[in-house]
Amino acid sequence: MTDDEYAAALESERAERNARTKYMVREDDDAFQLVRRNGAGMGWGVNRYISRETADLAAAFLNRLKEDEA
């Protein structure tokens, strides 16, 4: 395997891992719930926020952190 093939394989694996999990915000009564969704579309609540801006910021941060770890 050449260096270019190895780099392409790593990038493909990273992209696949990133596609599996995503953090998103869902409106829930009088609050906003941070939800973690897996590749199968199943989701579960992680935390609740009063402010939409704070919930969006947390989701963006976690999604970016997930990308950096992959």
PDB file of N, CA and C in Angstrom:
ATOM      1  N   MET A   1       0.858  -1.173   0.000  1.00  0.00           N
ATOM      2  CA  MET A   1       0.000   0.000   0.000  1.00  0.00           C
ATOM      3  C   MET A   1       0.900   1.231   0.000  1.00  0.00           C
ATOM      4  N   THR A   2       0.644   2.111  -0.939  1.00  0.00           N
ATOM      5  CA  THR A   2       1.439   3.339  -1.016  1.00  0.00           C
ATOM      6  C   THR A   2       0.957   4.341   0.027  1.00  0.00           C
ATOM      7  N   ASP A   3       1.742   5.386   0.194  1.00  0.00           N
ATOM      8  CA  ASP A   3       1.365   6.438   1.150  1.00  0.00           C
ATOM      9  C   ASP A   3       0.042   7.095   0.763  1.00  0.00           C
ATOM     10  N   ASP A   4      -0.151   7.322  -0.527  1.00  0.00           N
ATOM     11  CA  ASP A   4      -1.398   7.941  -0.992  1.00  0.00           C
ATOM     12  C   ASP A   4      -2.594   7.030  -0.766  1.00  0.00           C
ATOM     13  N   GLU A   5      -2.428   5.742  -1.005  1.00  0.00           N
ATOM     14  CA  GLU A   5      -3.521   4.790  -0.772  1.00  0.00           C
ATOM     15  C   GLU A   5      -3.854   4.707   0.710  1.00  0.00           C
ATOM     16  N   TYR A   6      -2.818   4.719   1.540  1.00  0.00           N
ATOM     17  CA  TYR A   6      -3.018   4.673   2.983  1.00  0.00           C
ATOM     18  C   TYR A   6      -3.753   5.921   3.463  1.00  0.00           C
ATOM     19  N   ALA A   7      -3.351   7.088   2.985  1.00  0.00           N
ATOM     20  CA  ALA A   7      -4.016   8.338   3.366  1.00  0.00           C
ATOM     21  C   ALA A   7      -5.472   8.339   2.914  1.00  0.00           C
ATOM     22  N   ALA A   8      -5.739   7.820   1.730  1.00  0.00           N
ATOM     23  CA  ALA A   8      -7.122   7.751   1.230  1.00  0.00           C
ATOM     24  C   ALA A   8      -7.952   6.795   2.071  1.00  0.00           C
ATOM     25  N   ALA A   9      -7.371   5.678   2.488  1.00  0.00           N
ATOM     26  CA  ALA A   9      -8.086   4.722   3.333  1.00  0.00           C
ATOM     27  C   ALA A   9      -8.406   5.330   4.694  1.00  0.00           C
ATOM     28  N   LEU A  10      -7.457   6.059   5.263  1.00  0.00           N
ATOM     29  CA  LEU A  10      -7.703   6.725   6.548  1.00  0.00           C
ATOM     30  C   LEU A  10      -8.798   7.779   6.431  1.00  0.00           C
ATOM     31  N   GLU A  11      -8.767   8.548   5.355  1.00  0.00           N
ATOM     32  CA  GLU A  11      -9.790   9.581   5.142  1.00  0.00           C
ATOM     33  C   GLU A  11     -11.162   8.952   4.960  1.00  0.00           C
ATOM     34  N   SER A  12     -11.233   7.854   4.247  1.00  0.00           N
ATOM     35  CA  SER A  12     -12.500   7.148   4.049  1.00  0.00           C
ATOM     36  C   SER A  12     -13.055   6.636   5.375  1.00  0.00           C
ATOM     37  N   GLU A  13     -12.182   6.078   6.205  1.00  0.00           N
ATOM     38  CA  GLU A  13     -12.599   5.579   7.519  1.00  0.00           C
ATOM     39  C   GLU A  13     -13.072   6.718   8.416  1.00  0.00           C
ATOM     40  N   ARG A  14     -12.373   7.868   8.362  1.00  0.00           N
ATOM     41  CA  ARG A  14     -12.758   9.029   9.166  1.00  0.00           C
ATOM     42  C   ARG A  14     -14.129   9.544   8.745  1.00  0.00           C
ATOM     43  N   ALA A  15     -14.355   9.623   7.449  1.00  0.00           N
ATOM     44  CA  ALA A  15     -15.640  10.098   6.944  1.00  0.00           C
ATOM     45  C   ALA A  15     -16.767   9.150   7.339  1.00  0.00           C
ATOM     46  N   GLU A  16     -16.502   7.867   7.307  1.00  0.00           N
ATOM     47  CA  GLU A  16     -17.518   6.878   7.699  1.00  0.00           C
ATOM     48  C   GLU A  16     -17.868   7.007   9.176  1.00  0.00           C
ATOM     49  N   ARG A  17     -16.858   7.191  10.027  1.00  0.00           N
ATOM     50  CA  ARG A  17     -17.117   7.352  11.466  1.00  0.00           C
ATOM     51  C   ARG A  17     -17.895   8.629  11.737  1.00  0.00           C
ATOM     52  N   ASN A  18     -17.579   9.707  11.029  1.00  0.00           N
ATOM     53  CA  ASN A  18     -18.289  10.970  11.228  1.00  0.00           C
ATOM     54  C   ASN A  18     -19.742  10.877  10.809  1.00  0.00           C
ATOM     55  N   ALA A  19     -20.038  10.060   9.819  1.00  0.00           N
ATOM     56  CA  ALA A  19     -21.412   9.924   9.337  1.00  0.00           C
ATOM     57  C   ALA A  19     -22.275   9.152  10.324  1.00  0.00           C
ATOM     58  N   ARG A  20     -21.674   8.396  11.187  1.00  0.00           N
ATOM     59  CA  ARG A  20     -22.441   7.557  12.111  1.00  0.00           C
ATOM     60  C   ARG A  20     -23.174   8.349  13.192  1.00  0.00           C
ATOM     61  N   THR A  21     -22.512   9.309  13.780  1.00  0.00           N
ATOM     62  CA  THR A  21     -23.065  10.008  14.937  1.00  0.00           C
ATOM     63  C   THR A  21     -23.172  11.496  14.649  1.00  0.00           C
ATOM     64  N   LYS A  22     -24.272  12.081  15.102  1.00  0.00           N
ATOM     65  CA  LYS A  22     -24.453  13.521  14.931  1.00  0.00           C
ATOM     66  C   LYS A  22     -25.236  14.068  16.120  1.00  0.00           C
ATOM     67  N   TYR A  23     -24.826  15.225  16.588  1.00  0.00           N
ATOM     68  CA  TYR A  23     -25.539  15.912  17.659  1.00  0.00           C
ATOM     69  C   TYR A  23     -26.429  16.967  17.030  1.00  0.00           C
ATOM     70  N   MET A  24     -27.655  17.038  17.499  1.00  0.00           N
ATOM     71  CA  MET A  24     -28.604  18.012  16.971  1.00  0.00           C
ATOM     72  C   MET A  24     -29.488  18.525  18.101  1.00  0.00           C
ATOM     73  N   VAL A  25     -30.208  19.613  17.843  1.00  0.00           N
ATOM     74  CA  VAL A  25     -31.073  20.234  18.843  1.00  0.00           C
ATOM     75  C   VAL A  25     -32.521  20.026  18.437  1.00  0.00           C
ATOM     76  N   ARG A  26     -33.324  19.628  19.407  1.00  0.00           N
ATOM     77  CA  ARG A  26     -34.755  19.413  19.178  1.00  0.00           C
ATOM     78  C   ARG A  26     -35.534  20.226  20.216  1.00  0.00           C
ATOM     79  N   GLU A  27     -36.563  20.922  19.750  1.00  0.00           N
ATOM     80  CA  GLU A  27     -37.403  21.698  20.665  1.00  0.00           C
ATOM     81  C   GLU A  27     -38.249  20.732  21.483  1.00  0.00           C
ATOM     82  N   ASP A  28     -38.278  20.956  22.801  1.00  0.00           N
ATOM     83  CA  ASP A  28     -38.967  20.050  23.712  1.00  0.00           C
ATOM     84  C   ASP A  28     -39.719  20.876  24.748  1.00  0.00           C
ATOM     85  N   ASP A  29     -41.020  21.066  24.528  1.00  0.00           N
ATOM     86  CA  ASP A  29     -41.866  21.891  25.401  1.00  0.00           C
ATOM     87  C   ASP A  29     -41.271  23.288  25.553  1.00  0.00           C
ATOM     88  N   ASP A  30     -40.816  23.628  26.761  1.00  0.00           N
ATOM     89  CA  ASP A  30     -40.306  24.976  27.013  1.00  0.00           C
ATOM     90  C   ASP A  30     -38.781  25.025  27.002  1.00  0.00           C
ATOM     91  N   ALA A  31     -38.139  23.974  26.516  1.00  0.00           N
ATOM     92  CA  ALA A  31     -36.678  23.918  26.509  1.00  0.00           C
ATOM     93  C   ALA A  31     -36.199  23.353  25.173  1.00  0.00           C
ATOM     94  N   PHE A  32     -34.891  23.210  25.056  1.00  0.00           N
ATOM     95  CA  PHE A  32     -34.277  22.656  23.853  1.00  0.00           C
ATOM     96  C   PHE A  32     -33.397  21.491  24.282  1.00  0.00           C
ATOM     97  N   GLN A  33     -33.608  20.368  23.654  1.00  0.00           N
ATOM     98  CA  GLN A  33     -32.897  19.160  24.039  1.00  0.00           C
ATOM     99  C   GLN A  33     -31.787  18.863  23.043  1.00  0.00           C
ATOM    100  N   LEU A  34     -30.592  18.625  23.586  1.00  0.00           N
ATOM    101  CA  LEU A  34     -29.458  18.199  22.776  1.00  0.00           C
ATOM    102  C   LEU A  34     -29.589  16.691  22.604  1.00  0.00           C
ATOM    103  N   VAL A  35     -29.635  16.243  21.354  1.00  0.00           N
ATOM    104  CA  VAL A  35     -29.885  14.837  21.042  1.00  0.00           C
ATOM    105  C   VAL A  35     -28.698  14.276  20.281  1.00  0.00           C
ATOM    106  N   ARG A  36     -28.304  13.070  20.646  1.00  0.00           N
ATOM    107  CA  ARG A  36     -27.244  12.355  19.920  1.00  0.00           C
ATOM    108  C   ARG A  36     -27.906  11.296  19.059  1.00  0.00           C
ATOM    109  N   ARG A  37     -27.669  11.350  17.745  1.00  0.00           N
ATOM    110  CA  ARG A  37     -28.251  10.376  16.820  1.00  0.00           C
ATOM    111  C   ARG A  37     -27.150   9.502  16.253  1.00  0.00           C
ATOM    112  N   ASN A  38     -27.419   8.204  16.169  1.00  0.00           N
ATOM    113  CA  ASN A  38     -26.428   7.305  15.596  1.00  0.00           C
ATOM    114  C   ASN A  38     -26.706   7.091  14.109  1.00  0.00           C
ATOM    115  N   GLY A  39     -25.905   6.266  13.461  1.00  0.00           N
ATOM    116  CA  GLY A  39     -26.028   6.034  12.036  1.00  0.00           C
ATOM    117  C   GLY A  39     -27.339   5.394  11.629  1.00  0.00           C
ATOM    118  N   ALA A  40     -27.982   4.677  12.537  1.00  0.00           N
ATOM    119  CA  ALA A  40     -29.258   4.026  12.254  1.00  0.00           C
ATOM    120  C   ALA A  40     -30.437   4.979  12.424  1.00  0.00           C
ATOM    121  N   GLY A  41     -30.180   6.205  12.861  1.00  0.00           N
ATOM    122  CA  GLY A  41     -31.249   7.183  13.032  1.00  0.00           C
ATOM    123  C   GLY A  41     -31.863   7.186  14.420  1.00  0.00           C
ATOM    124  N   MET A  42     -31.395   6.318  15.297  1.00  0.00           N
ATOM    125  CA  MET A  42     -31.896   6.305  16.670  1.00  0.00           C
ATOM    126  C   MET A  42     -31.254   7.458  17.432  1.00  0.00           C
ATOM    127  N   GLY A  43     -32.023   8.096  18.295  1.00  0.00           N
ATOM    128  CA  GLY A  43     -31.505   9.224  19.037  1.00  0.00           C
ATOM    129  C   GLY A  43     -31.890   9.178  20.498  1.00  0.00           C
ATOM    130  N   TRP A  44     -31.107   9.846  21.330  1.00  0.00           N
ATOM    131  CA  TRP A  44     -31.424   9.933  22.743  1.00  0.00           C
ATOM    132  C   TRP A  44     -30.925  11.271  23.267  1.00  0.00           C
ATOM    133  N   GLY A  45     -31.635  11.751  24.272  1.00  0.00           N
ATOM    134  CA  GLY A  45     -31.314  13.049  24.837  1.00  0.00           C
ATOM    135  C   GLY A  45     -30.032  13.027  25.635  1.00  0.00           C
ATOM    136  N   VAL A  46     -29.247  14.078  25.465  1.00  0.00           N
ATOM    137  CA  VAL A  46     -27.993  14.208  26.193  1.00  0.00           C
ATOM    138  C   VAL A  46     -28.141  15.247  27.303  1.00  0.00           C
ATOM    139  N   ASN A  47     -28.774  16.371  26.953  1.00  0.00           N
ATOM    140  CA  ASN A  47     -28.925  17.454  27.917  1.00  0.00           C
ATOM    141  C   ASN A  47     -30.042  18.379  27.460  1.00  0.00           C
ATOM    142  N   ARG A  48     -30.580  19.171  28.395  1.00  0.00           N
ATOM    143  CA  ARG A  48     -31.623  20.149  28.056  1.00  0.00           C
ATOM    144  C   ARG A  48     -31.105  21.544  28.353  1.00  0.00           C
ATOM    145  N   TYR A  49     -31.476  22.470  27.482  1.00  0.00           N
ATOM    146  CA  TYR A  49     -31.057  23.865  27.627  1.00  0.00           C
ATOM    147  C   TYR A  49     -32.280  24.766  27.546  1.00  0.00           C
ATOM    148  N   ILE A  50     -32.215  25.897  28.226  1.00  0.00           N
ATOM    149  CA  ILE A  50     -33.290  26.878  28.181  1.00  0.00           C
ATOM    150  C   ILE A  50     -33.146  27.740  26.939  1.00  0.00           C
ATOM    151  N   SER A  51     -31.920  28.017  26.556  1.00  0.00           N
ATOM    152  CA  SER A  51     -31.632  28.896  25.427  1.00  0.00           C
ATOM    153  C   SER A  51     -31.320  28.082  24.168  1.00  0.00           C
ATOM    154  N   ARG A  52     -31.944  28.439  23.063  1.00  0.00           N
ATOM    155  CA  ARG A  52     -31.673  27.767  21.778  1.00  0.00           C
ATOM    156  C   ARG A  52     -30.228  28.005  21.344  1.00  0.00           C
ATOM    157  N   GLU A  53     -29.730  29.217  21.572  1.00  0.00           N
ATOM    158  CA  GLU A  53     -28.369  29.554  21.173  1.00  0.00           C
ATOM    159  C   GLU A  53     -27.346  28.685  21.900  1.00  0.00           C
ATOM    160  N   THR A  54     -27.560  28.447  23.193  1.00  0.00           N
ATOM    161  CA  THR A  54     -26.651  27.606  23.967  1.00  0.00           C
ATOM    162  C   THR A  54     -26.706  26.167  23.483  1.00  0.00           C
ATOM    163  N   ALA A  55     -27.896  25.673  23.202  1.00  0.00           N
ATOM    164  CA  ALA A  55     -28.042  24.302  22.707  1.00  0.00           C
ATOM    165  C   ALA A  55     -27.371  24.148  21.343  1.00  0.00           C
ATOM    166  N   ASP A  56     -27.550  25.126  20.454  1.00  0.00           N
ATOM    167  CA  ASP A  56     -26.902  25.076  19.142  1.00  0.00           C
ATOM    168  C   ASP A  56     -25.382  25.123  19.274  1.00  0.00           C
ATOM    169  N   LEU A  57     -24.886  25.939  20.190  1.00  0.00           N
ATOM    170  CA  LEU A  57     -23.451  26.030  20.423  1.00  0.00           C
ATOM    171  C   LEU A  57     -22.894  24.703  20.932  1.00  0.00           C
ATOM    172  N   ALA A  58     -23.599  24.063  21.859  1.00  0.00           N
ATOM    173  CA  ALA A  58     -23.158  22.770  22.379  1.00  0.00           C
ATOM    174  C   ALA A  58     -23.148  21.709  21.281  1.00  0.00           C
ATOM    175  N   ALA A  59     -24.168  21.689  20.438  1.00  0.00           N
ATOM    176  CA  ALA A  59     -24.224  20.723  19.340  1.00  0.00           C
ATOM    177  C   ALA A  59     -23.083  20.960  18.355  1.00  0.00           C
ATOM    178  N   ALA A  60     -22.831  22.210  18.014  1.00  0.00           N
ATOM    179  CA  ALA A  60     -21.744  22.529  17.086  1.00  0.00           C
ATOM    180  C   ALA A  60     -20.394  22.130  17.670  1.00  0.00           C
ATOM    181  N   PHE A  61     -20.201  22.395  18.955  1.00  0.00           N
ATOM    182  CA  PHE A  61     -18.950  22.036  19.616  1.00  0.00           C
ATOM    183  C   PHE A  61     -18.744  20.526  19.614  1.00  0.00           C
ATOM    184  N   LEU A  62     -19.775  19.773  19.989  1.00  0.00           N
ATOM    185  CA  LEU A  62     -19.650  18.314  20.038  1.00  0.00           C
ATOM    186  C   LEU A  62     -19.453  17.705  18.652  1.00  0.00           C
ATOM    187  N   ASN A  63     -20.128  18.240  17.657  1.00  0.00           N
ATOM    188  CA  ASN A  63     -19.929  17.748  16.289  1.00  0.00           C
ATOM    189  C   ASN A  63     -18.498  18.022  15.816  1.00  0.00           C
ATOM    190  N   ARG A  64     -17.978  19.188  16.130  1.00  0.00           N
ATOM    191  CA  ARG A  64     -16.604  19.523  15.742  1.00  0.00           C
ATOM    192  C   ARG A  64     -15.604  18.653  16.493  1.00  0.00           C
ATOM    193  N   LEU A  65     -15.833  18.431  17.780  1.00  0.00           N
ATOM    194  CA  LEU A  65     -14.965  17.577  18.573  1.00  0.00           C
ATOM    195  C   LEU A  65     -14.958  16.157  18.023  1.00  0.00           C
ATOM    196  N   LYS A  66     -16.117  15.682  17.640  1.00  0.00           N
ATOM    197  CA  LYS A  66     -16.242  14.339  17.060  1.00  0.00           C
ATOM    198  C   LYS A  66     -15.425  14.241  15.780  1.00  0.00           C
ATOM    199  N   GLU A  67     -15.473  15.258  14.944  1.00  0.00           N
ATOM    200  CA  GLU A  67     -14.701  15.268  13.697  1.00  0.00           C
ATOM    201  C   GLU A  67     -13.206  15.268  13.968  1.00  0.00           C
ATOM    202  N   ASP A  68     -12.790  16.048  14.967  1.00  0.00           N
ATOM    203  CA  ASP A  68     -11.358  16.116  15.297  1.00  0.00           C
ATOM    204  C   ASP A  68     -10.841  14.795  15.843  1.00  0.00           C
ATOM    205  N   GLU A  69     -11.667  14.082  16.606  1.00  0.00           N
ATOM    206  CA  GLU A  69     -11.249  12.793  17.157  1.00  0.00           C
ATOM    207  C   GLU A  69     -11.155  11.719  16.096  1.00  0.00           C
ATOM    208  N   ALA A  70     -12.014  11.848  15.067  1.00  0.00           N
ATOM    209  CA  ALA A  70     -11.988  10.849  13.996  1.00  0.00           C
ATOM    210  C   ALA A  70     -10.756  11.101  13.167  1.00  0.00           C
TER     211      ALA A  70
END
